[in-house]
Amino acid sequence: MTTPGLVEHFFRHEYGRLVATLSRQVGICHLEIIEDAVQTALMSALETWKRAHPPDNPSAWLYRVAKNNLLGTLRQRSRRHHLQQESEAANSDLSDPEFEVLLPQEIADDLLRMLFVSCDASIPIESQLVLALKTLCGLDVREIALRLFTTEASVYKRLSRARHLLREVPEFTLSLNAGQVAVRLPSVHTILYLLFTEGYLSAHADVAIRRELCTEAIRLATLLAEHPLGQAPETFALVALMHLHFARLTARQDASGGLLLLEEQDRAQWDREQIAVGLGWLALSAQGQMFSRYHAEAGIAAEHGLSSSFEATRWDRVSDYYALLEHVAPSALHRLNRAVAVAEGEGPEAGLAVLTGFKPPTWLAGSYQWAAVLADLHRRCGHVDVAARYRDSALELAPTPAVRDLLQRRLGGAR
């Protein structure tokens, strides 16, 4: 791996963990200073590792450089009397993470713990998501905007608001009690779901699939599912959903890295072991009366994973799951996906009927998904002119070259 590539790798893998570790040690109210210290460490790595070989333990190197940067900034601030004690405490508390002892009920992973901390009730839910995805998960503003169906300007505003609110938080330990974890658990589920989604179909212009994000989302979700405070049917269903989708990851790209449609994928490349793991978590999620969006989506993924071919898929079951998904987590996007499933099982006319009289919200009406589905359904119904209009719109709105190529192959070229 080249030096820039190695730094990029560590930016994606270590940035959030470094921010989380240092935030626990000096307080989350210093988040912006901590981010600056970590970014400076990564820039130092890029310059230093160009001149010499990377150290044997790059993670430890980055931690120590970031720690020293942070201490230097805090010492400068401590020249004012009311911050002197703060700097001294930071200096004494910044021990190496591997030597720290946690209480039995504490969440051992710094990054997972910080996800819960960032979901504080004083921060609006929209800002919670942006803060976690940007600061802890390493997604950029464009990627976040696409995942949340909003604008980049809105993402910047939400991020600024979250950071401002955190500056007002007094010094406190990042240990959370069971009640706080329970209240924040749904938000953490959402963050992990969005992190996996970005890996599964990336908004990045140059990379269609980001396996490392999927892997990290599975790691964090599994840690959560194995912790006594995170053991809930929704958590188990989320882990199931991730494994069932991850099983198809390799088959979703051709030899050149282009995306493949579900019907084009070689099912022999699907990871049957991963599917089995996912089904095991799905069975575990069936305990109790709770049925969440993650149960419905995992059920859909299971139907695909268990089907011997695209044609053999039980599309009636898939459309039923989408109907349940609309009920437990109302969204116009779920109706759109249900129309696709109905079209596969009953024909394109039946699929269009699902959308008849339905007025999509602005965020969906202006998306490539809406235009692409209508283009495909009208094309299959023989409505050539209508299909062409929607096709052109879908190609224009496609967020990445990989998605555009996929749509062009499915819908045909521009007029």
Protein backbone atom coordinates (compact mmCIF):
# COMPACT_ATOMS: atom_id res chain seq x y z
CA MET A 1 0.00 0.00 0.00
CA THR A 2 1.39 3.45 -0.90
CA THR A 3 2.00 6.02 1.83
CA PRO A 4 -1.01 8.22 0.81
CA GLY A 5 -3.10 5.07 0.60
CA LEU A 6 -1.96 3.98 4.05
CA VAL A 7 -2.83 7.38 5.53
CA GLU A 8 -6.24 7.24 3.82
CA HIS A 9 -6.75 3.76 5.27
CA PHE A 10 -5.92 4.98 8.76
CA PHE A 11 -8.04 8.09 8.33
CA ARG A 12 -11.05 5.90 7.62
CA HIS A 13 -10.26 3.38 10.37
CA GLU A 14 -8.58 5.41 13.11
CA TYR A 15 -10.00 8.92 12.91
CA GLY A 16 -13.23 8.17 14.73
CA ARG A 17 -11.53 5.92 17.27
CA LEU A 18 -8.90 8.56 18.10
CA VAL A 19 -11.57 11.23 18.49
CA ALA A 20 -13.60 8.91 20.70
CA THR A 21 -10.65 7.92 22.90
CA LEU A 22 -9.40 11.48 23.42
CA SER A 23 -12.93 12.77 24.04
CA ARG A 24 -13.37 10.25 26.82
CA GLN A 25 -10.09 11.35 28.36
CA VAL A 26 -10.45 15.14 28.28
CA GLY A 27 -14.18 15.71 27.83
CA ILE A 28 -16.47 15.93 24.84
CA CYS A 29 -16.79 19.71 25.26
CA HIS A 30 -13.32 19.90 23.65
CA LEU A 31 -14.48 18.04 20.54
CA GLU A 32 -13.34 20.64 18.00
CA ILE A 33 -9.86 20.87 19.54
CA ILE A 34 -9.65 17.07 19.56
CA GLU A 35 -10.64 16.87 15.90
CA ASP A 36 -7.96 19.42 15.01
CA ALA A 37 -5.35 17.44 16.94
CA VAL A 38 -6.27 14.18 15.19
CA GLN A 39 -6.29 15.83 11.75
CA THR A 40 -2.88 17.34 12.44
CA ALA A 41 -1.58 13.90 13.44
CA LEU A 42 -2.81 12.42 10.17
CA MET A 43 -1.17 15.21 8.18
CA SER A 44 2.05 14.61 10.12
CA ALA A 45 1.81 10.94 9.22
CA LEU A 46 1.50 11.78 5.53
CA GLU A 47 4.65 13.93 5.65
CA THR A 48 6.69 11.75 8.03
CA TRP A 49 5.86 8.40 6.44
CA LYS A 50 6.88 9.74 3.03
CA ARG A 51 10.44 10.25 4.30
CA ALA A 52 10.69 7.05 6.32
CA HIS A 53 8.94 3.73 6.55
CA PRO A 54 5.71 3.74 8.58
CA PRO A 55 6.20 2.67 12.20
CA ASP A 56 5.59 -0.90 13.30
CA ASN A 57 2.44 0.21 15.12
CA PRO A 58 0.89 3.07 13.09
CA SER A 59 -2.18 3.26 15.35
CA ALA A 60 -0.05 3.86 18.45
CA TRP A 61 2.04 6.43 16.56
CA LEU A 62 -1.06 8.37 15.55
CA TYR A 63 -2.46 8.23 19.07
CA ARG A 64 0.70 9.63 20.65
CA VAL A 65 1.09 12.43 18.09
CA ALA A 66 -2.59 13.39 18.43
CA LYS A 67 -2.29 13.28 22.22
CA ASN A 68 0.76 15.56 22.17
CA ASN A 69 -0.99 17.98 19.80
CA LEU A 70 -4.00 18.08 22.11
CA LEU A 71 -1.89 18.61 25.22
CA GLY A 72 -0.05 21.47 23.55
CA THR A 73 -3.30 23.21 22.72
CA LEU A 74 -4.70 22.70 26.22
CA ARG A 75 -1.50 24.02 27.79
CA GLN A 76 -1.75 27.18 25.70
CA ARG A 77 -5.31 27.65 26.89
CA SER A 78 -4.29 26.97 30.47
CA ARG A 79 -2.43 30.24 30.61
CA ARG A 80 -5.73 31.62 31.71
CA HIS A 81 -6.24 30.65 35.33
CA HIS A 82 -9.69 29.10 35.01
CA LEU A 83 -8.34 26.50 32.55
CA GLN A 84 -5.18 25.59 34.47
CA GLN A 85 -6.75 22.72 36.39
CA GLU A 86 -8.38 21.43 33.21
CA SER A 87 -5.03 21.12 31.46
CA GLU A 88 -3.37 19.44 34.43
CA ALA A 89 -6.18 16.90 34.62
CA ALA A 90 -5.92 16.23 30.91
CA ASN A 91 -2.16 15.76 31.21
CA SER A 92 -2.54 13.19 33.96
CA ASP A 93 -5.50 11.36 32.44
CA LEU A 94 -4.18 10.88 28.91
CA SER A 95 -2.84 7.40 29.57
CA ASP A 96 -2.43 4.77 26.91
CA PRO A 97 -5.89 3.23 26.22
CA GLU A 98 -4.70 -0.34 26.51
CA PHE A 99 -3.93 0.09 30.22
CA GLU A 100 -7.32 1.47 31.22
CA VAL A 101 -9.80 -0.53 33.30
CA LEU A 102 -13.54 -0.36 32.69
CA LEU A 103 -16.41 -1.28 34.97
CA PRO A 104 -18.34 -4.44 33.98
CA GLN A 105 -21.38 -2.57 32.63
CA GLU A 106 -19.41 0.02 30.66
CA ILE A 107 -19.15 -0.21 26.89
CA ALA A 108 -15.55 -1.23 26.25
CA ASP A 109 -15.25 0.16 22.71
CA ASP A 110 -14.51 3.90 22.74
CA LEU A 111 -16.14 4.52 19.37
CA LEU A 112 -19.35 2.70 20.29
CA ARG A 113 -19.49 4.54 23.61
CA MET A 114 -19.05 7.89 21.84
CA LEU A 115 -21.91 7.07 19.50
CA PHE A 116 -24.13 6.88 22.57
CA VAL A 117 -22.67 10.09 24.01
CA SER A 118 -23.27 11.98 20.75
CA CYS A 119 -26.95 10.97 20.94
CA ASP A 120 -27.56 13.15 23.99
CA ALA A 121 -31.17 14.32 24.27
CA SER A 122 -30.05 17.98 24.33
CA ILE A 123 -28.96 17.60 20.70
CA PRO A 124 -31.73 17.41 18.05
CA ILE A 125 -31.91 13.99 16.40
CA GLU A 126 -30.94 15.41 13.00
CA SER A 127 -27.80 16.93 14.48
CA GLN A 128 -27.01 13.76 16.41
CA LEU A 129 -26.90 11.78 13.18
CA VAL A 130 -24.74 14.33 11.36
CA LEU A 131 -22.30 14.64 14.26
CA ALA A 132 -21.83 10.89 14.59
CA LEU A 133 -21.57 10.20 10.86
CA LYS A 134 -19.11 13.05 10.26
CA THR A 135 -16.94 13.00 13.38
CA LEU A 136 -17.00 9.36 14.42
CA CYS A 137 -17.71 7.47 11.21
CA GLY A 138 -15.63 9.58 8.82
CA LEU A 139 -18.30 10.27 6.18
CA ASP A 140 -18.02 13.55 4.29
CA VAL A 141 -20.75 16.16 4.02
CA ARG A 142 -21.89 15.09 0.55
CA GLU A 143 -22.25 11.46 1.62
CA ILE A 144 -24.24 12.44 4.69
CA ALA A 145 -26.52 14.73 2.68
CA LEU A 146 -27.35 11.91 0.28
CA ARG A 147 -28.06 9.43 3.09
CA LEU A 148 -30.32 11.87 4.97
CA PHE A 149 -32.05 13.20 1.82
CA THR A 150 -31.05 16.78 2.60
CA THR A 151 -28.68 19.47 1.33
CA GLU A 152 -25.01 19.92 2.13
CA ALA A 153 -25.82 23.36 3.59
CA SER A 154 -28.27 21.74 5.97
CA VAL A 155 -25.63 19.19 7.03
CA TYR A 156 -23.18 21.99 7.86
CA LYS A 157 -25.82 23.78 9.92
CA ARG A 158 -26.72 20.62 11.86
CA LEU A 159 -23.06 19.85 12.51
CA SER A 160 -22.39 23.38 13.74
CA ARG A 161 -25.39 23.24 16.06
CA ALA A 162 -24.30 19.91 17.56
CA ARG A 163 -20.77 21.16 18.20
CA HIS A 164 -22.11 24.34 19.78
CA LEU A 165 -24.32 22.36 22.13
CA LEU A 166 -21.43 20.10 23.12
CA ARG A 167 -19.31 23.12 24.03
CA GLU A 168 -21.94 23.98 26.62
CA VAL A 169 -21.74 20.56 28.24
CA PRO A 170 -19.82 20.67 31.55
CA GLU A 171 -17.00 18.24 32.22
CA PHE A 172 -18.39 14.78 32.86
CA THR A 173 -17.45 11.14 32.57
CA LEU A 174 -18.52 9.39 29.41
CA SER A 175 -19.88 6.44 31.36
CA LEU A 176 -23.61 5.97 30.72
CA ASN A 177 -26.15 4.21 32.88
CA ALA A 178 -28.66 1.65 31.64
CA GLY A 179 -31.45 4.21 31.35
CA GLN A 180 -29.39 6.54 29.18
CA VAL A 181 -28.32 3.69 26.91
CA ALA A 182 -31.92 2.52 26.48
CA VAL A 183 -33.13 5.99 25.48
CA ARG A 184 -30.32 6.49 23.00
CA LEU A 185 -30.31 3.00 21.53
CA PRO A 186 -32.68 3.78 18.59
CA SER A 187 -30.45 6.67 17.47
CA VAL A 188 -27.36 4.47 17.62
CA HIS A 189 -29.20 1.85 15.55
CA THR A 190 -29.91 4.51 12.92
CA ILE A 191 -26.28 5.64 12.81
CA LEU A 192 -24.97 2.10 12.36
CA TYR A 193 -27.61 1.42 9.70
CA LEU A 194 -26.58 4.53 7.75
CA LEU A 195 -22.90 3.68 8.10
CA PHE A 196 -23.52 0.22 6.62
CA THR A 197 -25.71 1.69 3.87
CA GLU A 198 -22.96 4.07 2.78
CA GLY A 199 -20.59 1.12 2.55
CA TYR A 200 -23.08 -1.03 0.63
CA LEU A 201 -23.85 1.64 -1.99
CA SER A 202 -21.44 4.51 -1.59
CA ALA A 203 -22.01 8.14 -2.48
CA HIS A 204 -18.27 8.37 -3.10
CA ALA A 205 -17.58 9.30 -6.72
CA ASP A 206 -14.71 6.85 -7.18
CA VAL A 207 -15.78 3.85 -5.10
CA ALA A 208 -19.13 2.13 -5.58
CA ILE A 209 -18.80 -0.17 -2.56
CA ARG A 210 -16.78 0.54 0.59
CA ARG A 211 -16.29 -2.79 2.25
CA GLU A 212 -14.42 -1.31 5.22
CA LEU A 213 -17.48 0.73 6.24
CA CYS A 214 -19.69 -2.36 6.09
CA THR A 215 -17.16 -4.29 8.16
CA GLU A 216 -16.93 -1.54 10.78
CA ALA A 217 -20.71 -1.25 11.00
CA ILE A 218 -20.98 -5.01 11.55
CA ARG A 219 -18.23 -4.89 14.18
CA LEU A 220 -19.93 -2.13 16.15
CA ALA A 221 -23.42 -3.63 15.80
CA THR A 222 -22.14 -7.01 16.96
CA LEU A 223 -20.43 -5.44 19.99
CA LEU A 224 -23.72 -3.76 20.77
CA ALA A 225 -25.68 -7.00 20.38
CA GLU A 226 -23.29 -8.83 22.68
CA HIS A 227 -23.41 -6.20 25.43
CA PRO A 228 -26.10 -6.65 28.11
CA LEU A 229 -27.34 -3.07 27.61
CA GLY A 230 -27.68 -3.48 23.84
CA GLN A 231 -29.34 -6.88 23.70
CA ALA A 232 -32.69 -6.11 22.11
CA PRO A 233 -34.67 -7.62 19.21
CA GLU A 234 -34.03 -4.49 17.10
CA THR A 235 -30.27 -4.84 17.60
CA PHE A 236 -30.34 -8.52 16.64
CA ALA A 237 -32.42 -7.74 13.54
CA LEU A 238 -29.99 -4.99 12.53
CA VAL A 239 -27.03 -7.37 12.79
CA ALA A 240 -28.99 -9.94 10.76
CA LEU A 241 -29.73 -7.38 8.06
CA MET A 242 -26.06 -6.43 7.79
CA HIS A 243 -24.83 -10.02 7.47
CA LEU A 244 -27.49 -10.92 4.90
CA HIS A 245 -26.53 -7.96 2.72
CA PHE A 246 -22.80 -8.39 3.28
CA ALA A 247 -23.11 -11.95 1.95
CA ARG A 248 -23.90 -10.54 -1.52
CA LEU A 249 -21.19 -7.86 -1.53
CA THR A 250 -18.65 -9.58 -3.80
CA ALA A 251 -21.29 -10.53 -6.38
CA ARG A 252 -22.54 -6.93 -6.65
CA GLN A 253 -19.60 -5.85 -8.83
CA ASP A 254 -18.23 -7.06 -12.15
CA ALA A 255 -14.55 -7.53 -12.96
CA SER A 256 -14.10 -3.81 -13.69
CA GLY A 257 -15.76 -2.71 -10.43
CA GLY A 258 -19.10 -1.75 -11.98
CA LEU A 259 -22.33 -2.42 -10.10
CA LEU A 260 -24.49 -5.38 -11.07
CA LEU A 261 -28.26 -5.64 -10.85
CA LEU A 262 -29.69 -8.30 -8.54
CA GLU A 263 -30.78 -10.41 -11.50
CA GLU A 264 -27.27 -10.19 -13.01
CA GLN A 265 -25.42 -11.43 -9.95
CA ASP A 266 -23.75 -14.84 -9.84
CA ARG A 267 -25.38 -16.42 -6.80
CA ALA A 268 -22.56 -18.91 -6.54
CA GLN A 269 -20.49 -15.98 -5.27
CA TRP A 270 -22.89 -15.28 -2.42
CA ASP A 271 -21.33 -16.12 0.93
CA ARG A 272 -23.52 -18.90 2.31
CA GLU A 273 -21.78 -18.80 5.66
CA GLN A 274 -22.65 -15.12 6.03
CA ILE A 275 -26.25 -15.87 5.08
CA ALA A 276 -26.39 -18.57 7.75
CA VAL A 277 -25.01 -16.15 10.34
CA GLY A 278 -27.61 -13.58 9.32
CA LEU A 279 -30.43 -16.09 9.59
CA GLY A 280 -29.22 -17.03 13.06
CA TRP A 281 -29.39 -13.41 14.22
CA LEU A 282 -32.79 -13.06 12.54
CA ALA A 283 -34.11 -16.05 14.50
CA LEU A 284 -32.76 -14.49 17.69
CA SER A 285 -34.54 -11.22 16.87
CA ALA A 286 -37.90 -13.02 16.82
CA GLN A 287 -37.96 -13.22 20.60
CA GLY A 288 -40.70 -11.08 22.14
CA GLN A 289 -43.38 -8.97 20.47
CA MET A 290 -41.20 -6.24 18.96
CA PHE A 291 -41.23 -5.87 15.16
CA SER A 292 -39.08 -3.05 13.80
CA ARG A 293 -38.00 -1.77 10.41
CA TYR A 294 -34.84 -3.83 10.79
CA HIS A 295 -36.94 -7.00 11.13
CA ALA A 296 -38.79 -6.16 7.92
CA GLU A 297 -35.63 -5.30 5.97
CA ALA A 298 -33.83 -8.38 7.26
CA GLY A 299 -36.85 -10.45 6.17
CA ILE A 300 -36.56 -9.01 2.66
CA ALA A 301 -32.83 -9.72 2.56
CA ALA A 302 -33.47 -13.27 3.79
CA GLU A 303 -35.97 -13.90 1.00
CA HIS A 304 -33.34 -12.90 -1.56
CA GLY A 305 -30.61 -14.89 0.19
CA LEU A 306 -32.68 -18.08 0.26
CA SER A 307 -33.91 -17.86 -3.35
CA SER A 308 -32.17 -20.14 -5.84
CA SER A 309 -32.64 -17.57 -8.63
CA PHE A 310 -34.09 -14.17 -9.32
CA GLU A 311 -37.14 -15.74 -10.95
CA ALA A 312 -37.69 -18.10 -7.99
CA THR A 313 -37.87 -15.24 -5.49
CA ARG A 314 -41.09 -15.19 -3.47
CA TRP A 315 -42.03 -11.70 -4.55
CA ASP A 316 -45.35 -11.86 -2.71
CA ARG A 317 -43.41 -12.29 0.54
CA VAL A 318 -41.07 -9.45 -0.38
CA SER A 319 -43.96 -7.08 -1.13
CA ASP A 320 -45.66 -8.09 2.13
CA TYR A 321 -42.49 -7.19 4.04
CA TYR A 322 -42.41 -3.81 2.31
CA ALA A 323 -46.03 -3.26 3.35
CA LEU A 324 -45.05 -4.05 6.95
CA LEU A 325 -42.09 -1.72 6.60
CA GLU A 326 -44.41 1.09 5.50
CA HIS A 327 -46.49 0.45 8.61
CA VAL A 328 -43.72 0.36 11.23
CA ALA A 329 -41.51 3.06 9.63
CA PRO A 330 -43.66 5.15 7.26
CA SER A 331 -41.66 6.40 4.30
CA ALA A 332 -42.48 7.10 0.68
CA LEU A 333 -39.34 5.22 -0.29
CA HIS A 334 -40.80 2.00 1.14
CA ARG A 335 -43.88 2.37 -1.04
CA LEU A 336 -41.65 2.86 -4.06
CA ASN A 337 -39.77 -0.35 -3.26
CA ARG A 338 -43.05 -2.17 -2.71
CA ALA A 339 -44.12 -1.13 -6.20
CA VAL A 340 -40.94 -2.71 -7.58
CA ALA A 341 -41.60 -5.97 -5.72
CA VAL A 342 -45.23 -6.07 -6.85
CA ALA A 343 -44.14 -5.46 -10.44
CA GLU A 344 -41.79 -8.45 -10.30
CA GLY A 345 -44.47 -10.73 -8.88
CA GLU A 346 -47.61 -9.50 -10.65
CA GLY A 347 -46.40 -7.47 -13.61
CA PRO A 348 -45.46 -3.81 -14.27
CA GLU A 349 -49.09 -2.64 -14.47
CA ALA A 350 -49.68 -3.87 -10.92
CA GLY A 351 -46.50 -2.11 -9.82
CA LEU A 352 -47.66 1.19 -11.32
CA ALA A 353 -51.03 0.74 -9.61
CA VAL A 354 -49.27 0.85 -6.23
CA LEU A 355 -48.11 4.38 -7.12
CA THR A 356 -51.34 5.56 -8.73
CA GLY A 357 -52.62 8.69 -6.99
CA PHE A 358 -49.57 8.77 -4.74
CA LYS A 359 -47.85 12.15 -4.48
CA PRO A 360 -44.23 11.69 -3.39
CA PRO A 361 -42.62 14.18 -1.02
CA THR A 362 -40.21 16.67 -2.55
CA TRP A 363 -37.10 14.84 -1.39
CA LEU A 364 -38.19 11.67 -3.18
CA ALA A 365 -39.73 13.29 -6.26
CA GLY A 366 -36.38 14.97 -6.91
CA SER A 367 -34.35 11.78 -6.49
CA TYR A 368 -32.94 9.36 -9.02
CA GLN A 369 -34.73 6.47 -7.28
CA TRP A 370 -38.19 7.82 -8.05
CA ALA A 371 -37.35 8.62 -11.67
CA ALA A 372 -35.60 5.28 -12.22
CA VAL A 373 -38.47 3.15 -10.92
CA LEU A 374 -41.08 5.00 -12.96
CA ALA A 375 -38.87 4.82 -16.05
CA ASP A 376 -38.52 1.07 -15.65
CA LEU A 377 -42.20 0.40 -14.97
CA HIS A 378 -43.41 2.58 -17.84
CA ARG A 379 -40.83 1.02 -20.17
CA ARG A 380 -42.06 -2.46 -19.31
CA CYS A 381 -45.65 -1.33 -19.87
CA GLY A 382 -44.75 0.01 -23.33
CA HIS A 383 -45.20 3.69 -22.44
CA VAL A 384 -42.19 4.73 -24.50
CA ASP A 385 -42.35 8.54 -24.25
CA VAL A 386 -43.14 8.65 -20.52
CA ALA A 387 -40.42 6.10 -19.83
CA ALA A 388 -37.89 8.15 -21.81
CA ARG A 389 -38.63 11.31 -19.79
CA TYR A 390 -38.17 9.54 -16.50
CA ARG A 391 -35.08 7.73 -17.79
CA ASP A 392 -33.38 10.99 -18.77
CA SER A 393 -34.23 12.46 -15.38
CA ALA A 394 -32.85 9.42 -13.55
CA LEU A 395 -29.57 9.54 -15.47
CA GLU A 396 -29.21 13.25 -14.78
CA LEU A 397 -29.88 12.83 -11.04
CA ALA A 398 -27.63 9.78 -10.54
CA PRO A 399 -25.27 10.64 -7.65
CA THR A 400 -22.22 8.71 -8.91
CA PRO A 401 -20.84 7.36 -12.21
CA ALA A 402 -21.32 3.79 -10.97
CA VAL A 403 -25.03 4.35 -10.32
CA ARG A 404 -25.41 6.15 -13.64
CA ASP A 405 -23.86 3.23 -15.52
CA LEU A 406 -26.15 0.81 -13.70
CA LEU A 407 -29.24 2.84 -14.61
CA GLN A 408 -28.14 3.21 -18.21
CA ARG A 409 -27.81 -0.53 -18.55
CA ARG A 410 -31.20 -1.11 -16.93
CA LEU A 411 -33.13 1.69 -18.61
CA GLY A 412 -31.28 2.20 -21.88
CA GLY A 413 -29.16 5.14 -23.05
CA ALA A 414 -30.19 8.79 -23.15
CA ARG A 415 -32.38 9.87 -26.00
